[in-house]
Protein backbone atom coordinates (compact mmCIF):
# COMPACT_ATOMS: atom_id res chain seq x y z
CA MET A 1 -6.87 -12.64 -34.06
CA SER A 2 -5.75 -9.58 -36.51
CA THR A 3 -7.30 -8.04 -39.56
CA GLU A 4 -6.42 -5.56 -41.84
CA LEU A 5 -8.75 -2.90 -42.55
CA GLY A 6 -8.72 -0.72 -45.78
CA ALA A 7 -4.84 -1.38 -46.44
CA THR A 8 -4.18 -2.00 -50.14
CA GLU A 9 -2.41 -5.21 -50.87
CA MET A 10 0.93 -3.56 -52.42
CA SER A 11 3.29 -6.17 -51.86
CA LYS A 12 6.74 -4.86 -53.02
CA GLY A 13 8.48 -8.25 -52.37
CA MET A 14 10.61 -6.68 -49.58
CA GLY A 15 12.09 -9.80 -48.38
CA SER A 16 13.72 -10.25 -45.00
CA LYS A 17 14.69 -7.16 -43.04
CA PRO A 18 16.73 -6.79 -39.77
CA LEU A 19 14.10 -5.50 -37.31
CA THR A 20 15.20 -3.03 -34.58
CA ALA A 21 12.79 -2.54 -31.50
CA ILE A 22 12.40 0.84 -29.67
CA VAL A 23 10.88 0.57 -26.19
CA LEU A 24 9.71 4.02 -24.74
CA ALA A 25 10.11 4.08 -21.18
CA ALA A 26 11.47 7.32 -19.88
CA GLY A 27 8.20 8.62 -18.63
CA GLN A 28 8.11 9.80 -15.06
CA GLY A 29 4.93 7.78 -13.86
CA THR A 30 3.94 10.27 -11.31
CA ARG A 31 0.49 9.00 -11.05
CA MET A 32 1.95 5.68 -9.74
CA ARG A 33 2.70 7.96 -6.65
CA SER A 34 6.02 5.71 -6.00
CA SER A 35 9.59 6.25 -5.73
CA VAL A 36 9.81 3.29 -7.98
CA PRO A 37 10.06 4.02 -11.67
CA LYS A 38 6.86 3.13 -13.17
CA ALA A 39 8.78 1.07 -15.84
CA LEU A 40 10.15 -0.93 -12.90
CA HIS A 41 6.75 -2.01 -11.32
CA ASP A 42 6.20 -5.69 -11.14
CA LEU A 43 3.59 -7.31 -13.57
CA CYS A 44 3.34 -11.17 -12.82
CA GLY A 45 7.19 -11.63 -11.83
CA ARG A 46 8.71 -9.12 -14.53
CA PRO A 47 8.99 -5.62 -14.67
CA LEU A 48 6.33 -3.65 -16.72
CA VAL A 49 9.25 -2.51 -19.28
CA CYS A 50 10.69 -6.01 -19.67
CA TRP A 51 7.50 -7.15 -21.07
CA PRO A 52 7.46 -5.35 -24.51
CA ALA A 53 11.16 -5.94 -24.60
CA GLN A 54 10.98 -9.38 -24.26
CA ALA A 55 8.12 -9.65 -26.65
CA ALA A 56 10.19 -7.81 -29.10
CA LEU A 57 13.09 -10.42 -28.55
CA ASP A 58 10.60 -13.51 -28.98
CA ALA A 59 9.52 -11.92 -32.27
CA GLY A 60 13.21 -11.81 -33.51
CA ALA A 61 14.13 -8.56 -33.31
CA ASP A 62 17.99 -8.44 -33.83
CA ARG A 63 18.14 -4.99 -31.78
CA VAL A 64 15.93 -4.24 -28.73
CA VAL A 65 16.84 -0.25 -27.71
CA VAL A 66 14.89 0.84 -24.50
CA VAL A 67 14.92 4.68 -23.87
CA ASP A 68 15.39 5.44 -20.12
CA SER A 69 14.94 8.50 -18.36
CA PRO A 70 18.20 10.81 -17.04
CA ALA A 71 17.80 8.85 -13.76
CA ARG A 72 19.19 5.46 -15.45
CA ALA A 73 17.12 3.27 -13.36
CA LEU A 74 16.52 0.53 -16.12
CA ARG A 75 19.93 -0.70 -16.58
CA GLY A 76 20.13 -3.70 -14.35
CA ALA A 77 16.38 -4.72 -15.02
CA LEU A 78 16.50 -5.38 -18.62
CA PRO A 79 16.87 -8.82 -20.41
CA ALA A 80 20.40 -9.75 -21.86
CA GLY A 81 21.29 -8.21 -24.91
CA VAL A 82 18.78 -4.95 -24.57
CA GLU A 83 20.61 -1.60 -25.20
CA VAL A 84 19.67 1.58 -23.28
CA VAL A 85 19.59 5.47 -24.46
CA VAL A 86 18.71 8.06 -22.55
CA GLN A 87 16.49 10.73 -23.14
CA GLU A 88 17.82 13.54 -21.35
CA GLN A 89 14.68 15.94 -21.75
CA ALA A 90 11.08 14.93 -21.26
CA THR A 91 9.87 16.10 -24.75
CA GLY A 92 7.43 13.57 -25.33
CA THR A 93 7.38 10.13 -27.54
CA GLY A 94 8.78 11.70 -30.62
CA GLY A 95 11.76 13.23 -28.38
CA ALA A 96 11.97 9.59 -27.06
CA VAL A 97 12.52 8.26 -30.48
CA ARG A 98 14.80 10.85 -31.57
CA ALA A 99 16.95 9.70 -28.52
CA ALA A 100 17.31 6.50 -30.03
CA ALA A 101 17.79 7.65 -33.89
CA ASP A 102 21.26 7.07 -33.86
CA LEU A 103 20.82 3.27 -33.36
CA VAL A 104 18.40 2.94 -36.36
CA ASP A 105 19.50 1.51 -39.79
CA PRO A 106 17.75 3.12 -42.59
CA GLY A 107 17.64 -0.09 -44.11
CA ALA A 108 15.78 -2.01 -41.13
CA LEU A 109 12.22 -2.21 -39.96
CA VAL A 110 11.80 -0.40 -36.89
CA LEU A 111 9.29 -1.35 -34.23
CA VAL A 112 8.26 1.47 -31.67
CA CYS A 113 6.44 0.23 -28.60
CA ALA A 114 5.62 1.92 -25.04
CA GLY A 115 6.76 0.37 -21.96
CA ASP A 116 3.90 0.82 -20.02
CA VAL A 117 1.74 -1.08 -22.64
CA PRO A 118 3.03 -4.56 -21.59
CA LEU A 119 0.40 -6.94 -23.14
CA VAL A 120 1.45 -6.79 -26.84
CA SER A 121 2.86 -10.65 -27.57
CA ALA A 122 5.33 -11.89 -30.03
CA ALA A 123 2.68 -13.02 -32.10
CA VAL A 124 0.83 -9.80 -32.59
CA ILE A 125 4.19 -8.06 -33.32
CA GLY A 126 4.75 -10.78 -36.15
CA ASP A 127 1.38 -10.24 -37.46
CA LEU A 128 2.08 -6.39 -37.55
CA ILE A 129 5.35 -7.05 -39.35
CA ALA A 130 3.79 -9.26 -41.85
CA ALA A 131 0.79 -6.76 -42.48
CA HIS A 132 3.37 -4.06 -43.00
CA SER A 133 5.57 -6.16 -45.63
CA ARG A 134 2.61 -7.11 -47.54
CA THR A 135 1.20 -3.59 -47.87
CA GLY A 136 4.66 -1.81 -48.62
CA ALA A 137 3.68 1.18 -46.71
CA SER A 138 6.15 3.22 -44.93
CA ALA A 139 4.74 2.94 -41.48
CA THR A 140 2.10 0.64 -39.95
CA VAL A 141 -0.11 1.21 -36.84
CA LEU A 142 -1.47 -1.59 -34.62
CA SER A 143 -4.84 -0.45 -33.80
CA THR A 144 -7.99 -1.90 -31.96
CA VAL A 145 -11.68 -1.22 -31.58
CA LEU A 146 -13.04 -0.33 -28.13
CA ALA A 147 -16.49 0.10 -26.75
CA ASP A 148 -15.19 3.01 -24.58
CA PRO A 149 -12.31 4.67 -26.41
CA SER A 150 -11.86 7.67 -23.89
CA GLY A 151 -8.25 8.57 -23.22
CA TYR A 152 -6.74 6.66 -26.00
CA GLY A 153 -5.49 8.55 -29.54
CA ARG A 154 -7.96 7.92 -32.36
CA VAL A 155 -6.96 6.52 -35.82
CA VAL A 156 -8.48 8.77 -38.62
CA ARG A 157 -8.99 6.96 -41.89
CA ASP A 158 -8.92 8.54 -45.46
CA PRO A 159 -11.86 7.60 -48.05
CA ASP A 160 -9.43 4.82 -49.06
CA GLY A 161 -9.37 3.21 -45.62
CA MET A 162 -5.66 4.15 -45.24
CA VAL A 163 -4.15 5.99 -41.87
CA ALA A 164 -4.51 9.65 -42.49
CA ARG A 165 -3.66 10.60 -39.23
CA ILE A 166 -3.62 9.71 -35.46
CA VAL A 167 -5.28 12.39 -33.37
CA GLU A 168 -4.10 12.44 -29.61
CA THR A 169 -6.88 13.41 -26.88
CA LYS A 170 -4.82 14.06 -24.00
CA GLY A 171 -5.36 17.89 -24.27
CA GLY A 172 -8.76 19.28 -24.52
CA GLY A 173 -8.22 21.02 -28.01
CA ASP A 174 -6.41 18.29 -30.11
CA ALA A 175 -9.35 16.39 -31.14
CA THR A 176 -12.67 17.60 -32.48
CA ALA A 177 -15.94 16.01 -31.66
CA GLN A 178 -16.18 13.89 -34.66
CA GLU A 179 -12.71 12.84 -34.16
CA LEU A 180 -13.62 11.76 -30.43
CA ALA A 181 -16.42 9.60 -31.87
CA ILE A 182 -14.23 7.07 -33.61
CA ALA A 183 -13.82 3.77 -31.52
CA GLU A 184 -10.76 2.61 -33.46
CA ILE A 185 -7.88 3.64 -31.17
CA ASN A 186 -4.02 3.63 -31.51
CA SER A 187 -2.26 0.83 -29.34
CA GLY A 188 1.21 2.75 -29.08
CA VAL A 189 2.57 -0.11 -31.18
CA TYR A 190 3.78 0.88 -34.90
CA VAL A 191 6.51 -0.73 -37.67
CA PHE A 192 8.11 2.01 -39.64
CA ASP A 193 10.59 1.68 -42.66
CA GLY A 194 14.00 2.80 -40.84
CA ALA A 195 14.59 5.41 -43.69
CA ALA A 196 11.25 6.97 -43.72
CA LEU A 197 11.49 7.21 -39.83
CA LEU A 198 14.60 8.83 -40.08
CA GLU A 199 13.15 11.26 -42.54
CA VAL A 200 10.39 12.47 -40.67
CA LEU A 201 11.82 12.73 -36.76
CA PRO A 202 13.22 16.31 -37.72
CA GLN A 203 9.54 17.54 -38.85
CA LEU A 204 7.83 16.49 -35.43
CA SER A 205 6.78 19.78 -33.78
CA ALA A 206 5.38 20.59 -30.11
CA ASP A 207 2.72 22.56 -31.40
CA ASN A 208 -0.02 21.18 -29.38
CA THR A 209 -1.79 21.46 -25.99
CA GLN A 210 0.78 19.40 -24.12
CA GLY A 211 3.88 21.20 -25.59
CA GLU A 212 5.41 17.89 -26.65
CA LEU A 213 6.54 15.88 -29.72
CA TYR A 214 3.95 13.30 -30.50
CA LEU A 215 5.55 10.49 -32.48
CA THR A 216 1.97 9.99 -33.98
CA ASP A 217 2.36 13.39 -35.95
CA ALA A 218 4.85 11.39 -38.19
CA PHE A 219 1.87 9.78 -39.89
CA ALA A 220 0.47 12.73 -40.91
CA HIS A 221 3.87 14.07 -42.13
CA MET A 222 4.31 10.71 -44.11
CA ARG A 223 0.89 10.99 -45.72
CA ALA A 224 1.72 14.80 -46.71
CA ALA A 225 4.68 13.67 -48.53
CA GLY A 226 2.91 11.01 -50.37
CA ALA A 227 3.80 8.02 -48.19
CA ALA A 228 1.39 5.19 -47.30
CA VAL A 229 0.37 4.40 -43.98
CA GLY A 230 -1.49 1.40 -42.89
CA ALA A 231 -3.00 -0.44 -40.05
CA LEU A 232 -3.56 -3.42 -38.59
CA VAL A 233 -6.82 -3.85 -36.30
CA THR A 234 -6.23 -6.74 -33.55
CA GLU A 235 -9.36 -8.33 -31.62
CA GLU A 236 -7.04 -8.49 -28.76
CA THR A 237 -7.90 -5.51 -27.06
CA GLY A 238 -5.58 -6.15 -24.15
CA VAL A 239 -2.58 -5.08 -26.27
CA ALA A 240 -3.68 -1.28 -25.99
CA LEU A 241 -4.16 -1.13 -22.07
CA GLY A 242 -1.70 1.16 -20.65
CA VAL A 243 -0.63 1.46 -16.84
CA ASN A 244 -0.80 5.02 -15.63
CA ASP A 245 -1.57 4.14 -11.86
CA ARG A 246 -1.71 1.06 -9.64
CA ALA A 247 -5.75 0.47 -10.40
CA GLN A 248 -4.92 0.14 -14.04
CA LEU A 249 -1.92 -1.94 -13.14
CA ALA A 250 -4.29 -4.24 -11.20
CA ASP A 251 -6.59 -4.41 -14.31
CA VAL A 252 -3.55 -5.29 -16.57
CA ARG A 253 -2.42 -7.85 -13.99
CA ALA A 254 -5.92 -9.47 -13.89
CA LEU A 255 -5.57 -9.71 -17.66
CA ALA A 256 -1.88 -10.94 -17.78
CA GLN A 257 -2.49 -13.47 -15.27
CA ARG A 258 -5.64 -15.04 -17.08
CA ASN A 259 -3.37 -15.27 -20.10
CA ILE A 260 -0.52 -17.25 -18.11
CA ASN A 261 -2.87 -19.43 -16.29
CA CYS A 262 -4.77 -20.29 -19.61
CA GLY A 263 -1.48 -21.02 -21.27
CA HIS A 264 -0.68 -23.68 -18.45
CA MET A 265 -4.15 -25.30 -18.75
CA ARG A 266 -3.81 -25.46 -22.39
CA ALA A 267 -0.29 -27.14 -21.94
CA GLY A 268 -1.68 -30.14 -19.71
CA VAL A 269 -1.73 -28.49 -16.19
CA THR A 270 -4.92 -28.62 -13.96
CA ILE A 271 -5.50 -25.48 -12.23
CA VAL A 272 -8.53 -26.04 -9.78
CA ASP A 273 -9.53 -22.36 -9.32
CA PRO A 274 -7.70 -19.92 -12.06
CA VAL A 275 -9.31 -16.92 -10.04
CA SER A 276 -7.22 -17.53 -6.83
CA THR A 277 -4.27 -19.03 -8.36
CA TYR A 278 -1.19 -16.64 -9.37
CA ILE A 279 1.57 -17.76 -11.56
CA ASP A 280 4.30 -15.64 -12.64
CA VAL A 281 5.42 -15.09 -16.49
CA ASP A 282 8.58 -17.52 -16.14
CA VAL A 283 7.32 -20.13 -14.07
CA VAL A 284 7.66 -23.81 -15.83
CA ILE A 285 5.12 -26.44 -14.91
CA GLY A 286 5.09 -30.15 -16.36
CA GLU A 287 1.89 -32.00 -17.67
CA ASP A 288 -0.66 -33.56 -15.28
CA THR A 289 0.58 -31.43 -12.28
CA THR A 290 -2.34 -30.20 -10.37
CA ILE A 291 -2.63 -26.58 -8.77
CA GLU A 292 -4.86 -26.20 -5.91
CA PRO A 293 -6.58 -23.05 -5.12
CA GLY A 294 -4.65 -19.95 -3.34
CA THR A 295 -1.19 -21.05 -4.47
CA ARG A 296 1.28 -18.54 -5.82
CA LEU A 297 4.33 -19.63 -8.11
CA CYS A 298 6.85 -16.98 -8.16
CA GLY A 299 9.99 -15.90 -9.94
CA SER A 300 11.96 -18.74 -11.92
CA THR A 301 10.04 -21.53 -10.03
CA VAL A 302 9.86 -25.00 -12.11
CA VAL A 303 7.42 -27.67 -11.13
CA GLY A 304 7.61 -31.09 -12.83
CA SER A 305 5.02 -33.49 -13.93
CA GLY A 306 2.22 -35.26 -12.04
CA ALA A 307 2.98 -32.84 -9.00
CA THR A 308 0.41 -31.70 -6.45
CA ILE A 309 0.96 -27.89 -5.48
CA GLY A 310 -1.42 -26.33 -2.81
CA PRO A 311 -3.71 -25.46 -1.57
CA GLN A 312 -2.66 -22.00 0.03
CA THR A 313 1.31 -22.51 -0.94
CA THR A 314 3.69 -20.39 -1.91
CA VAL A 315 6.82 -21.29 -3.96
CA ILE A 316 9.34 -18.63 -4.66
CA ASP A 317 12.47 -19.47 -7.28
CA SER A 318 12.23 -23.17 -6.41
CA GLN A 319 12.06 -26.53 -8.20
CA VAL A 320 9.46 -29.06 -7.30
CA GLY A 321 10.06 -32.61 -8.85
CA ASN A 322 7.81 -35.20 -10.88
CA GLY A 323 5.05 -36.46 -8.59
CA ALA A 324 5.88 -34.02 -5.38
CA SER A 325 3.74 -32.79 -3.21
CA VAL A 326 3.46 -29.43 -1.28
CA ARG A 327 0.61 -28.53 0.66
CA MET A 328 -0.06 -25.46 2.72
CA ALA A 329 3.59 -24.60 2.37
CA TRP A 330 6.04 -21.85 2.02
CA LEU A 331 9.05 -22.61 -0.54
CA GLN A 332 11.77 -20.28 -1.22
CA GLU A 333 14.88 -20.98 -3.31
CA ALA A 334 14.37 -24.65 -2.20
CA THR A 335 14.56 -27.85 -4.13
CA VAL A 336 12.07 -30.86 -3.71
CA LEU A 337 12.92 -33.73 -5.62
CA ALA A 338 10.58 -36.67 -7.27
CA GLY A 339 8.30 -37.75 -5.00
CA ALA A 340 8.95 -36.05 -1.85
CA LYS A 341 6.29 -34.63 0.42
CA VAL A 342 6.13 -31.05 2.09
CA GLY A 343 3.68 -29.70 4.60
CA PRO A 344 1.06 -28.95 5.63
CA PHE A 345 2.66 -25.80 7.49
CA ALA A 346 5.93 -26.34 6.31
CA TYR A 347 8.73 -23.62 5.65
CA LEU A 348 11.67 -24.32 3.36
CA ARG A 349 14.22 -21.94 3.21
CA PRO A 350 17.17 -21.04 0.72
CA GLY A 351 19.55 -23.76 0.40
CA THR A 352 17.23 -26.59 1.04
CA VAL A 353 17.17 -29.76 -0.73
CA LEU A 354 14.77 -32.26 -0.13
CA HIS A 355 15.73 -35.75 -1.99
CA GLU A 356 13.60 -38.18 -3.52
CA ASP A 357 10.69 -39.39 -1.48
CA ALA A 358 11.89 -37.27 1.69
CA LYS A 359 9.28 -35.69 3.69
CA ALA A 360 9.11 -32.37 5.59
CA GLY A 361 5.91 -32.36 7.69
CA THR A 362 3.66 -30.44 9.82
CA PHE A 363 5.17 -27.06 11.32
CA VAL A 364 8.84 -28.15 9.98
CA GLU A 365 11.13 -25.44 9.01
CA ILE A 366 14.55 -26.35 7.12
CA LYS A 367 17.14 -23.87 6.12
CA ASN A 368 20.26 -24.65 3.90
CA SER A 369 19.99 -28.46 4.58
CA ASP A 370 20.41 -31.51 2.71
CA ILE A 371 17.81 -34.11 3.48
CA GLY A 372 18.70 -37.58 1.89
CA ARG A 373 16.37 -39.99 -0.18
CA GLY A 374 13.56 -41.17 2.13
CA ALA A 375 14.34 -39.31 5.04
CA ARG A 376 11.58 -38.01 7.37
CA VAL A 377 11.28 -34.78 9.16
CA PRO A 378 7.54 -35.25 10.14
CA HIS A 379 6.73 -32.33 12.70
CA LEU A 380 7.74 -29.69 14.80
CA SER A 381 11.28 -29.43 14.10
CA TYR A 382 14.04 -26.96 12.95
CA ILE A 383 16.66 -28.35 10.87
CA GLY A 384 19.20 -25.42 10.01
CA ASP A 385 22.85 -26.07 8.20
CA ALA A 386 22.63 -29.99 8.10
CA ASP A 387 23.13 -33.01 6.09
CA VAL A 388 20.56 -35.78 6.91
CA GLY A 389 21.17 -38.97 5.33
CA GLU A 390 19.13 -41.28 3.62
CA GLY A 391 16.23 -42.96 5.49
CA ALA A 392 16.89 -41.20 8.78
CA ASN A 393 13.87 -40.15 10.74
CA LEU A 394 14.04 -37.35 13.05
CA GLY A 395 11.43 -37.23 15.88
CA ALA A 396 8.91 -34.45 16.50
CA ALA A 397 10.74 -31.26 18.06
CA THR A 398 14.01 -32.19 16.95
CA VAL A 399 16.45 -29.19 16.39
CA THR A 400 19.81 -28.50 15.31
CA ALA A 401 21.28 -25.81 17.03
CA ASN A 402 23.63 -24.17 14.56
CA TYR A 403 24.63 -20.83 15.78
CA ASP A 404 26.93 -20.31 18.67
CA GLY A 405 26.52 -16.48 19.14
CA ARG A 406 29.27 -16.08 16.36
CA ALA A 407 29.16 -17.90 13.32
CA LYS A 408 27.10 -20.93 11.85
CA HIS A 409 28.24 -24.92 12.03
CA ARG A 410 26.76 -27.73 10.29
CA THR A 411 25.29 -30.97 11.62
CA LYS A 412 25.78 -34.26 9.78
CA ILE A 413 23.34 -37.01 10.46
CA GLY A 414 24.06 -40.29 8.94
CA LYS A 415 21.75 -42.61 7.02
CA ARG A 416 18.91 -44.34 8.90
CA VAL A 417 19.49 -42.22 12.15
CA ARG A 418 16.43 -42.31 14.49
CA SER A 419 16.28 -39.34 16.89
CA GLY A 420 14.03 -39.42 19.81
CA VAL A 421 11.47 -36.65 20.36
CA ASP A 422 12.57 -33.20 21.62
CA THR A 423 16.10 -34.06 20.62
CA THR A 424 18.80 -31.18 19.99
CA PHE A 425 21.93 -31.42 18.23
CA VAL A 426 24.44 -28.69 19.11
CA ALA A 427 26.63 -28.39 16.00
CA PRO A 428 29.29 -28.91 15.09
CA MET A 429 28.77 -32.49 15.32
CA THR A 430 28.27 -35.90 13.57
CA VAL A 431 26.23 -38.41 13.93
CA GLY A 432 27.17 -41.95 12.58
CA ASP A 433 24.61 -44.22 10.39
CA ASP A 434 22.23 -46.30 12.19
CA ALA A 435 22.46 -44.25 15.60
CA TYR A 436 19.86 -43.52 17.98
CA THR A 437 18.73 -40.78 20.30
CA GLY A 438 17.00 -40.80 23.59
CA ALA A 439 14.03 -38.46 23.80
CA GLY A 440 14.84 -35.15 25.37
CA SER A 441 18.45 -35.38 24.66
CA VAL A 442 20.72 -32.31 24.20
CA LEU A 443 23.63 -33.47 22.45
CA THR A 444 26.95 -31.86 22.01
CA GLU A 445 29.65 -34.81 21.13
CA ASP A 446 29.62 -36.74 18.17
CA ILE A 447 27.71 -40.18 18.35
CA PRO A 448 29.60 -43.39 16.72
CA ALA A 449 27.63 -45.33 14.25
CA GLY A 450 24.98 -47.66 15.77
CA ALA A 451 25.27 -46.21 19.28
CA LEU A 452 22.41 -44.76 21.60
CA ALA A 453 23.16 -41.31 22.84
CA VAL A 454 21.06 -40.13 25.74
CA ALA A 455 22.04 -36.75 27.33
CA ARG A 456 19.55 -35.75 30.06
CA ALA A 457 19.36 -35.66 33.86
CA ARG A 458 18.17 -38.87 35.68
CA GLN A 459 14.55 -38.43 36.59
CA VAL A 460 13.84 -38.36 40.42
CA ASN A 461 10.32 -38.61 41.89
CA VAL A 462 10.03 -36.93 45.37
CA GLU A 463 7.44 -38.78 47.22
CA GLY A 464 4.81 -36.09 49.17
CA TYR A 465 6.06 -33.36 47.48
CA ALA A 466 2.40 -31.94 47.17
CA GLN A 467 1.65 -32.13 50.86
CA ARG A 468 4.54 -30.69 51.89
CA HIS A 469 3.98 -27.52 49.25
CA ALA A 470 0.47 -27.44 50.57
CA ASP A 471 1.82 -27.25 54.42
CA ASP A 472 4.30 -24.61 53.18
CA ALA A 473 1.23 -22.39 51.82
CA GLY A 474 -1.08 -23.34 54.50
CA ALA A 475 -3.74 -24.66 52.10
CA ASP A 476 -5.64 -27.69 51.22
CA PRO A 477 -3.30 -29.90 48.79
CA GLN A 478 -6.35 -30.65 46.42
CA ALA A 479 -7.14 -26.84 46.37
CA ALA A 480 -3.62 -26.33 45.43
CA THR A 481 -3.82 -28.47 42.29
CA THR A 482 -7.28 -27.64 41.42
CA PRO A 483 -7.72 -24.85 38.95
CA PRO A 484 -9.99 -22.00 39.99
CA ALA A 485 -13.66 -22.10 38.55
CA ARG A 486 -14.06 -19.40 35.63
């Protein structure tokens, strides 16, 4: 929720203007103590810088520009259609916007936001643009009121309630004690008229304790020229939370995760324990699905309706169909279709497809394999590079030996095949429909449809073996077979 404080309603009937968004992400982020640029640290499945960039796109921005450092680390990480410019020297936020000035249309609105303040939403941006259009100001600041405003720039208002200036607090001499007592803070999100922004950028000076070009000084210059600067106060205080170190990243992640989980619950998903459930921002979940505690849904995962995921389950870049059940399992780049069951303690690796009503049970690992409708791999098995036909049942400890030391090979198992326990299929091989295998078999040749394949040595019982063994050892045969006391 957002409210305007002290802004005079001076609508000029501005109508719809194009919107350019500039995301400032050239900072070094040294307090992260990381070889990874701060803007690329992950927040719920999306790099920090991509949060405000995506919010701007969702708000209808016609052009989104990200300001990068000379290392040019961000290009491959940004959403499609986002442009990149480079701030060659670290001269502050004003210098960053100057780097993008050539891409600013004087007739457009310009949204400016920080790449390390990720929780601004498309809805809040829309509110800010609407407030800016209604008041007719040359610039509008998104602000909020904090109980503890330490570390944030303060919004200083004139007697009419308009923004007189924003005072930075990075250096000890930039703000007075009276200004530091102000609770209304600058969120780092602004809307400018393009022409007004271009006019004021050359006037910015580095005459401050940090020796930087503060973009916030633009507002004082605008006021001195007789222009109006408004502010929209939002009650969503999270939009002002910035990330300078990993502790702050954790604080922001907790809030972002709560927002994500609440969004799913309001859309009809049951999350039994939201505090222990981690869902990335781009995950899709259908109605009436239940997410049990200790579950992580990551990346581009899509879960259908009426499914059950968890407890203690990780699903990465995978698809889970309607009514499927995945319990205490790990899925990565796998597909589990409607009604299928996975787990507990199963591992579905990239390329696995579990068709409708199929099962991958306890301590089963499947990799790059197609498990047909209703087929079952109940327990203690490894199935790699295989095609398993509809209705097949693979006994405990079934293994497809898919690697010959040089290359991987596929095993093709037909419909309704029944493998005995401890069967090994040595690829490449084909097993015909309705075939059976004997327990303990190591199979190296194709099996015709409907046949029983047995490949094991014939059992031999050696009578009197225990006595002869004891005689050779000079010991009582009973003692030889009785474990020592502990």
